Protein backbone atom coordinates (compact mmCIF):
# COMPACT_ATOMS: atom_id res chain seq x y z
CA MET A 1 -14.06 -4.69 -16.35
CA SER A 2 -12.23 -3.00 -19.23
CA ASN A 3 -12.59 0.50 -20.63
CA SER A 4 -10.56 3.47 -21.74
CA SER A 5 -9.81 4.79 -18.25
CA VAL A 6 -9.65 1.87 -15.79
CA ARG A 7 -8.85 -1.76 -16.46
CA SER A 8 -9.23 -4.64 -14.03
CA VAL A 9 -7.54 -7.96 -14.81
CA LYS A 10 -6.99 -11.09 -12.72
CA HIS A 11 -3.46 -12.52 -12.58
CA GLY A 12 -4.29 -15.81 -10.96
CA ALA A 13 -5.98 -14.78 -7.72
CA ILE A 14 -4.52 -11.26 -7.75
CA THR A 15 -6.59 -8.37 -9.09
CA VAL A 16 -4.61 -5.74 -11.01
CA ILE A 17 -6.48 -2.45 -11.39
CA SER A 18 -4.81 -0.12 -13.88
CA LEU A 19 -5.27 3.53 -14.74
CA PHE A 20 -5.18 3.92 -18.51
CA ARG A 21 -5.16 7.59 -19.49
CA PRO A 22 -1.62 7.90 -20.87
CA GLU A 23 -2.50 11.05 -22.79
CA THR A 24 -3.09 12.85 -19.45
CA LYS A 25 -0.33 11.13 -17.44
CA ASN A 26 -3.08 9.06 -15.80
CA SER A 27 -4.82 12.05 -14.28
CA VAL A 28 -8.24 11.34 -12.79
CA ASP A 29 -11.48 13.08 -13.75
CA ARG A 30 -14.99 12.42 -12.40
CA GLU A 31 -15.66 9.41 -14.62
CA THR A 32 -12.27 7.84 -13.94
CA ALA A 33 -12.71 8.32 -10.19
CA ALA A 34 -16.09 6.57 -10.34
CA GLU A 35 -14.59 3.72 -12.35
CA LEU A 36 -11.74 3.32 -9.87
CA SER A 37 -14.20 3.17 -6.99
CA GLN A 38 -16.30 0.55 -8.74
CA ALA A 39 -13.23 -1.52 -9.59
CA PHE A 40 -12.24 -1.67 -5.93
CA ARG A 41 -15.81 -2.45 -4.85
CA ASP A 42 -15.79 -5.35 -7.29
CA PHE A 43 -12.46 -6.51 -5.86
CA GLU A 44 -13.76 -6.26 -2.30
CA SER A 45 -16.75 -8.45 -3.14
CA ASP A 46 -14.67 -11.03 -5.04
CA ASP A 47 -14.07 -13.87 -2.60
CA THR A 48 -11.53 -15.45 -4.96
CA SER A 49 -9.17 -12.46 -4.92
CA PRO A 50 -7.36 -11.71 -1.62
CA VAL A 51 -5.07 -8.86 -2.72
CA ALA A 52 -5.24 -6.07 -5.31
CA VAL A 53 -2.50 -4.14 -7.10
CA LEU A 54 -3.08 -0.56 -8.32
CA TYR A 55 -0.95 0.37 -11.32
CA GLY A 56 -0.59 3.20 -13.83
CA GLU A 57 -0.07 2.21 -17.47
CA GLY A 58 2.37 4.08 -19.68
CA GLY A 59 5.13 4.95 -17.22
CA THR A 60 3.19 7.21 -14.84
CA PHE A 61 1.34 6.00 -11.75
CA CYS A 62 -0.99 9.00 -11.45
CA SER A 63 -0.45 12.73 -11.91
CA GLY A 64 -3.43 13.69 -9.74
CA ALA A 65 -6.80 15.19 -10.58
CA ASP A 66 -7.40 16.25 -14.18
CA LEU A 67 -7.17 20.03 -13.85
CA LYS A 68 -8.39 20.46 -17.43
CA ALA A 69 -11.74 19.06 -16.30
CA ILE A 70 -12.33 22.03 -13.98
CA GLY A 71 -15.32 24.04 -15.15
CA SER A 72 -16.75 21.12 -17.12
CA PRO A 73 -19.06 18.20 -16.27
CA ARG A 74 -15.92 16.04 -16.00
CA VAL A 75 -14.68 17.90 -12.92
CA ASN A 76 -14.00 15.67 -9.93
CA ARG A 77 -16.75 15.13 -7.39
CA VAL A 78 -16.08 17.23 -4.26
CA GLU A 79 -18.60 16.34 -1.57
CA PRO A 80 -18.21 15.67 2.19
CA SER A 81 -19.74 12.20 1.93
CA GLY A 82 -19.52 9.36 -0.54
CA ASP A 83 -16.49 8.66 -2.67
CA GLY A 84 -13.49 10.97 -2.63
CA PRO A 85 -12.50 13.25 -5.53
CA MET A 86 -9.93 10.65 -6.64
CA GLY A 87 -12.38 7.76 -6.19
CA PRO A 88 -11.69 5.05 -3.58
CA THR A 89 -9.69 7.13 -1.08
CA ARG A 90 -12.45 7.12 1.56
CA MET A 91 -12.99 3.37 1.41
CA ARG A 92 -11.83 1.06 4.18
CA LEU A 93 -11.36 -2.24 2.42
CA CYS A 94 -11.16 -5.53 4.31
CA LYS A 95 -8.40 -6.76 1.98
CA PRO A 96 -4.93 -5.31 1.33
CA THR A 97 -3.91 -3.28 -1.70
CA ILE A 98 -0.47 -2.61 -3.17
CA ALA A 99 0.47 0.43 -5.25
CA ALA A 100 2.87 -0.46 -8.09
CA ILE A 101 4.52 2.86 -8.88
CA THR A 102 6.54 4.00 -11.85
CA GLY A 103 7.05 7.65 -12.71
CA TYR A 104 4.99 10.34 -11.04
CA ALA A 105 2.74 9.70 -8.04
CA VAL A 106 1.97 13.31 -7.23
CA ALA A 107 -0.85 15.45 -5.82
CA GLY A 108 -3.97 13.27 -5.89
CA GLY A 109 -1.82 10.47 -7.27
CA LEU A 110 0.24 10.62 -4.09
CA GLU A 111 -3.00 10.36 -2.12
CA LEU A 112 -4.02 7.25 -4.08
CA ALA A 113 -0.62 5.72 -3.30
CA LEU A 114 -0.97 6.58 0.40
CA TRP A 115 -4.41 4.96 0.47
CA CYS A 116 -2.85 1.63 -0.49
CA ASP A 117 -1.35 -0.55 2.23
CA LEU A 118 2.04 -1.00 0.57
CA ARG A 119 3.99 0.83 -2.13
CA VAL A 120 6.41 -0.90 -4.50
CA ILE A 121 8.41 1.54 -6.62
CA ASP A 122 11.10 1.49 -9.27
CA LYS A 123 13.93 3.94 -9.80
CA THR A 124 11.79 6.26 -11.93
CA ALA A 125 9.30 6.94 -9.13
CA VAL A 126 8.72 10.55 -8.07
CA PHE A 127 6.43 11.59 -5.21
CA GLY A 128 5.32 15.08 -4.29
CA VAL A 129 2.54 17.42 -3.22
CA PHE A 130 2.71 19.12 -6.63
CA CYS A 131 -0.77 20.60 -6.15
CA ARG A 132 0.94 23.09 -3.83
CA ARG A 133 2.02 24.92 -6.99
CA TRP A 134 -1.53 25.53 -8.19
CA GLY A 135 -3.35 26.29 -4.95
CA VAL A 136 -5.16 22.95 -4.94
CA PRO A 137 -5.54 21.38 -1.47
CA LEU A 138 -5.07 17.78 -0.41
CA ILE A 139 -8.61 16.47 0.17
CA ASP A 140 -8.22 12.74 -0.43
CA GLY A 141 -6.56 11.88 2.87
CA GLY A 142 -3.10 13.24 2.11
CA THR A 143 -2.75 15.40 5.21
CA ILE A 144 -3.88 12.46 7.35
CA ARG A 145 -2.12 9.45 5.86
CA LEU A 146 1.19 11.14 5.01
CA PRO A 147 2.12 12.12 8.61
CA ARG A 148 0.90 8.77 9.91
CA LEU A 149 3.16 7.06 7.42
CA ILE A 150 6.38 9.12 7.57
CA GLY A 151 5.92 11.35 10.63
CA GLU A 152 4.67 14.91 11.03
CA SER A 153 7.99 16.66 10.45
CA ARG A 154 8.70 14.96 7.13
CA ALA A 155 5.07 15.28 6.08
CA LEU A 156 5.14 19.03 6.69
CA ASP A 157 8.33 19.30 4.66
CA LEU A 158 6.60 17.75 1.67
CA THR A 159 3.27 19.49 2.21
CA LEU A 160 4.68 23.00 2.65
CA THR A 161 7.31 22.89 -0.10
CA GLY A 162 5.67 20.68 -2.72
CA ARG A 163 9.13 19.38 -3.57
CA GLU A 164 9.98 16.21 -5.45
CA VAL A 165 10.91 13.05 -3.58
CA GLY A 166 12.86 10.53 -5.62
CA ALA A 167 12.92 6.78 -5.27
CA GLU A 168 15.89 6.46 -2.91
CA GLU A 169 14.60 9.10 -0.51
CA ALA A 170 11.09 7.65 -0.63
CA LEU A 171 12.46 4.29 0.46
CA SER A 172 14.63 5.79 3.19
CA ILE A 173 11.80 7.76 4.83
CA GLY A 174 9.25 4.95 4.65
CA LEU A 175 7.14 6.42 1.88
CA ALA A 176 7.92 3.30 -0.17
CA ASN A 177 8.20 -0.29 1.06
CA ARG A 178 10.17 -1.86 -1.79
CA LEU A 179 12.51 -0.43 -4.44
CA VAL A 180 12.90 -2.70 -7.46
CA GLU A 181 14.63 -2.54 -10.82
CA THR A 182 13.02 -0.39 -13.48
CA GLY A 183 10.65 -2.40 -15.63
CA THR A 184 9.84 -4.97 -12.94
CA VAL A 185 7.54 -3.06 -10.61
CA LEU A 186 4.27 -4.65 -11.71
CA GLN A 187 5.64 -8.19 -11.63
CA LYS A 188 7.31 -7.64 -8.25
CA SER A 189 4.07 -6.18 -6.88
CA ILE A 190 2.12 -9.20 -8.08
CA GLU A 191 4.71 -11.50 -6.50
CA LEU A 192 4.38 -9.62 -3.20
CA ALA A 193 0.59 -9.89 -3.44
CA GLU A 194 0.89 -13.64 -4.06
CA GLN A 195 3.13 -13.96 -1.00
CA ILE A 196 0.52 -12.19 1.15
CA ALA A 197 -2.24 -14.31 -0.38
CA GLN A 198 -0.56 -17.53 0.82
CA PHE A 199 -1.19 -16.77 4.49
CA PRO A 200 -4.36 -17.71 6.39
CA GLN A 201 -6.47 -14.70 5.49
CA VAL A 202 -8.74 -14.10 8.49
CA ALA A 203 -5.94 -13.51 11.00
CA MET A 204 -3.94 -11.45 8.51
CA ARG A 205 -6.90 -9.22 7.65
CA ASN A 206 -7.85 -8.70 11.28
CA ASP A 207 -4.27 -7.80 12.25
CA ARG A 208 -4.27 -5.35 9.33
CA LEU A 209 -7.50 -3.75 10.55
CA SER A 210 -6.17 -3.53 14.10
CA THR A 211 -3.08 -1.74 12.79
CA LEU A 212 -5.13 0.70 10.71
CA GLU A 213 -7.66 1.41 13.46
CA GLN A 214 -5.28 2.00 16.37
CA SER A 215 -4.27 5.54 15.38
CA GLY A 216 -5.89 8.04 17.73
CA MET A 217 -6.88 5.41 20.29
CA THR A 218 -5.52 5.22 23.80
CA VAL A 219 -3.23 2.26 24.41
CA GLU A 220 -6.00 0.60 26.43
CA ASP A 221 -8.60 1.06 23.69
CA ALA A 222 -6.17 -0.06 21.00
CA MET A 223 -5.29 -3.18 22.99
CA TYR A 224 -8.98 -3.98 23.45
CA ASN A 225 -9.59 -3.45 19.74
CA GLU A 226 -6.68 -5.75 18.90
CA PHE A 227 -8.05 -8.36 21.31
CA THR A 228 -11.51 -8.14 19.73
CA HIS A 229 -10.11 -8.69 16.25
CA GLY A 230 -7.93 -11.49 17.61
CA LEU A 231 -10.93 -13.31 19.05
CA VAL A 232 -12.55 -13.27 15.62
CA SER A 233 -9.38 -14.75 14.14
CA LEU A 234 -9.18 -17.45 16.82
CA SER A 235 -12.82 -18.39 16.37
CA ASP A 236 -12.27 -18.86 12.64
CA GLY A 237 -10.59 -22.19 13.33
CA VAL A 238 -7.91 -21.81 10.67
CA ILE A 239 -4.78 -22.18 12.78
CA LEU A 240 -1.99 -24.25 11.31
CA PRO A 241 -0.86 -27.35 13.25
CA MET A 242 1.87 -26.76 15.77
CA VAL A 243 5.37 -26.73 14.32
CA ARG A 244 8.46 -27.62 16.31
CA PRO A 245 10.64 -24.58 17.06
CA GLU A 246 13.65 -26.32 15.51
CA ASP A 247 11.77 -26.53 12.22
CA ILE A 248 11.57 -22.73 12.14
CA PHE A 249 14.77 -21.81 13.97
CA PRO A 250 17.42 -24.44 13.11
CA SER A 251 20.22 -24.87 15.62
CA PRO A 252 23.62 -23.35 14.75
CA GLU A 253 25.95 -25.74 13.01
CA VAL A 254 27.98 -27.65 15.60
CA ASN A 255 31.74 -27.78 15.14
CA SER A 256 32.53 -31.47 14.70
CA GLY A 257 36.31 -31.04 15.00
CA PRO A 258 38.38 -32.24 17.96
CA SER A 259 37.53 -30.47 21.20
CA GLU A 260 40.12 -28.43 23.04
CA GLN A 261 41.68 -30.38 25.95
CA VAL A 262 41.83 -28.69 29.34
CA ASP A 263 45.05 -29.05 31.37
CA SER A 264 43.98 -30.19 34.83
CA SER A 265 47.45 -30.99 36.15
CA GLY A 266 47.75 -27.65 37.90
CA THR A 267 51.28 -27.16 36.50
CA GLY A 268 50.15 -24.52 33.98
C-alpha cells in the first residue's frame, strides 16, 4: 500500500505504517483517516507480520486533525460508531503497535500515539492537548487512554492547560517508553518490534489483551479474564522446553582465594 497520505512497508516481518503529509505537518483529514484504518486492518490480517510501527515522515509524528478540512468534504468523519475521526483509534488489534515519534504528537496526533501500545521518542518529541487552544475536544480516546497511562492528576494537567510536554518529561511521567538519540527513532522502534516478534506470540498477545481489558473490572473479574486468556495460551502448545534456573540466573562468582582461618584455640 503506497499513496500520498499513508505508506505501508514491510521491514522484514515488521510493518511500518507512515503518515506522509509533510506539507500539513502530517495532519489527518477524512481520506487519510480512512487510509490509516485500512493500513492497520491489512496489518491485522497479515499472519506474517507480528508487530507494526506507526511513524510520521518529515520530522513530525502527527499534528492532529486537518482543521483546514472543516467545512469541506475532506472534514474528518465524526460518528458514534465505526472508525474514529483520526482513523484506527477505536480498533482493538490482536497484535501490538509501536509509535515512533519525532517532533509534534499533539491533539489528535497525541491520541494516535496513545492508541499504540508503546511509544519510542527522540529528543525532538513534543506532546500536548493543543486542540484546547481552538475549542476542539478529544474524541479519539484521549480522555480515556491518557489518565489510564499517566494517572488522572497528570492527565488533567495536560487536558486543562494544553501545555507542551517535552521528551524528558514525557519519559519521566510514563507518556513515553523509550527515549533515543535524534535520528534513530524509526530504527530503534523497528528493533524493539523485532525483539517483541521473537517471543512465542500466542501467550504474549493474550497477556497483552488481559492487560488492556482489566481496566474497570473488579479484581475477581480481571483475574478470571486473565485465567481465560492463559488457558488459551496453554492450549496452544507452544511452550519452550524447560530451562535450568542456573542457565537464566547464573550463580555469583565464587572467590577462589584462600579462605579465612578461624582461631579455635580459645586464646583470642
